[in-house]
Amino acid sequence: MSDFDSALASFYEGCQRINETHRAEHYPKTAPATWRLKRLKKRARVVCNSSCHCFVDYATGDVLKSAGWNRPADHAGGNIFDDANGLGAMGPYGPAYLR
């Protein structure tokens, strides 16, 4: 397994953990989310239930907020190779907006 693959796997698990912690604390009666990791040509798409949670760029490792199902936003909200594994600005519903 390459460094990118292990960093992506760790990031993916972190996204699930953040979402599940939020769900258990605020919505304990709802069912846990269904997660998928879809590998596309230029980036990976992280899917939560039927919504695009975020994208991860293969070339740079940047975590990109979703601007739609097929398109990421222009600016990175973290990087899977940084100290926080790209989860520093990650919330239960995806990366935080830039301010």
Protein backbone atom coordinates (compact mmCIF):
# COMPACT_ATOMS: atom_id res chain seq x y z
CA MET A 1 0.00 0.00 0.00
CA SER A 2 1.39 3.42 -0.95
CA ASP A 3 1.64 6.46 1.32
CA PHE A 4 -1.28 8.05 -0.53
CA ASP A 5 -3.48 4.98 -0.10
CA SER A 6 -2.78 4.70 3.63
CA ALA A 7 -3.32 8.46 4.16
CA LEU A 8 -6.57 8.29 2.18
CA ALA A 9 -7.77 5.26 4.19
CA SER A 10 -7.00 7.06 7.46
CA PHE A 11 -8.78 10.21 6.23
CA TYR A 12 -11.81 8.17 5.12
CA GLU A 13 -12.05 6.48 8.54
CA GLY A 14 -11.71 9.88 10.24
CA CYS A 15 -14.62 11.29 8.22
CA GLN A 16 -16.75 8.34 9.27
CA ARG A 17 -15.74 8.74 12.92
CA ILE A 18 -16.54 12.48 12.97
CA ASN A 19 -19.95 11.89 11.38
CA GLU A 20 -20.79 8.93 13.64
CA THR A 21 -19.81 10.81 16.81
CA HIS A 22 -22.06 13.71 15.79
CA ARG A 23 -24.93 11.37 14.92
CA ALA A 24 -24.68 9.43 18.19
CA GLU A 25 -24.58 12.63 20.25
CA HIS A 26 -27.33 14.61 18.48
CA TYR A 27 -29.48 12.03 16.64
CA PRO A 28 -29.14 8.72 18.53
CA LYS A 29 -32.33 7.20 17.07
CA THR A 30 -31.30 7.57 13.43
CA ALA A 31 -29.52 4.81 11.56
CA PRO A 32 -25.77 5.10 10.94
CA ALA A 33 -24.72 6.53 7.58
CA THR A 34 -23.63 4.38 4.65
CA TRP A 35 -20.17 5.37 3.36
CA ARG A 36 -18.40 4.69 0.05
CA LEU A 37 -15.09 5.73 -1.46
CA LYS A 38 -15.30 6.08 -5.24
CA ARG A 39 -12.02 6.37 -7.17
CA LEU A 40 -12.35 8.68 -10.17
CA LYS A 41 -9.73 9.72 -12.77
CA LYS A 42 -8.26 12.78 -10.99
CA ARG A 43 -9.63 12.47 -7.47
CA ALA A 44 -11.44 10.23 -5.02
CA ARG A 45 -15.05 10.99 -4.05
CA VAL A 46 -16.12 10.33 -0.45
CA VAL A 47 -19.86 9.56 -0.38
CA CYS A 48 -22.05 9.62 2.73
CA ASN A 49 -25.45 8.01 2.13
CA SER A 50 -26.30 9.42 -1.30
CA SER A 51 -24.45 12.76 -0.98
CA CYS A 52 -20.93 13.74 -1.94
CA HIS A 53 -19.10 14.46 1.33
CA CYS A 54 -15.85 15.71 -0.25
CA PHE A 55 -13.15 15.00 -2.83
CA VAL A 56 -9.45 14.15 -2.38
CA ASP A 57 -7.09 15.11 -5.21
CA TYR A 58 -4.66 12.34 -6.24
CA ALA A 59 -1.86 14.68 -7.36
CA THR A 60 -1.68 16.84 -4.22
CA GLY A 61 -3.70 15.11 -1.48
CA ASP A 62 -5.86 18.23 -1.09
CA VAL A 63 -9.28 17.80 0.52
CA LEU A 64 -11.85 19.65 -1.57
CA LYS A 65 -15.37 20.64 -0.56
CA SER A 66 -18.03 19.42 -2.92
CA ALA A 67 -19.57 21.95 -5.31
CA GLY A 68 -21.87 19.22 -6.63
CA TRP A 69 -21.88 15.50 -7.29
CA ASN A 70 -19.21 15.64 -10.02
CA ARG A 71 -17.33 18.83 -9.21
CA PRO A 72 -15.22 19.99 -6.26
CA ALA A 73 -14.94 23.56 -5.05
CA ASP A 74 -11.88 25.56 -6.11
CA HIS A 75 -10.05 25.85 -2.78
CA ALA A 76 -8.57 23.12 -0.60
CA GLY A 77 -9.83 22.73 2.96
CA GLY A 78 -6.93 20.61 4.12
CA ASN A 79 -4.50 17.96 2.95
CA ILE A 80 -4.37 14.27 3.84
CA PHE A 81 -0.60 14.58 4.36
CA ASP A 82 -0.77 17.38 6.98
CA ASP A 83 -0.52 16.82 10.75
CA ALA A 84 -4.31 16.52 11.15
CA ASN A 85 -4.59 14.11 8.17
CA GLY A 86 -6.92 16.60 6.44
CA LEU A 87 -9.46 16.41 9.27
CA GLY A 88 -8.62 19.76 10.89
CA ALA A 89 -11.47 21.60 9.15
CA MET A 90 -13.73 18.57 8.71
CA GLY A 91 -17.21 18.64 10.21
CA PRO A 92 -19.92 16.00 10.29
CA TYR A 93 -21.31 17.22 6.96
CA GLY A 94 -18.05 17.82 5.10
CA PRO A 95 -15.18 20.33 5.00
CA ALA A 96 -15.79 23.78 6.50
CA TYR A 97 -16.33 26.78 4.27
CA LEU A 98 -13.36 29.12 3.84
CA ARG A 99 -13.66 32.38 5.73
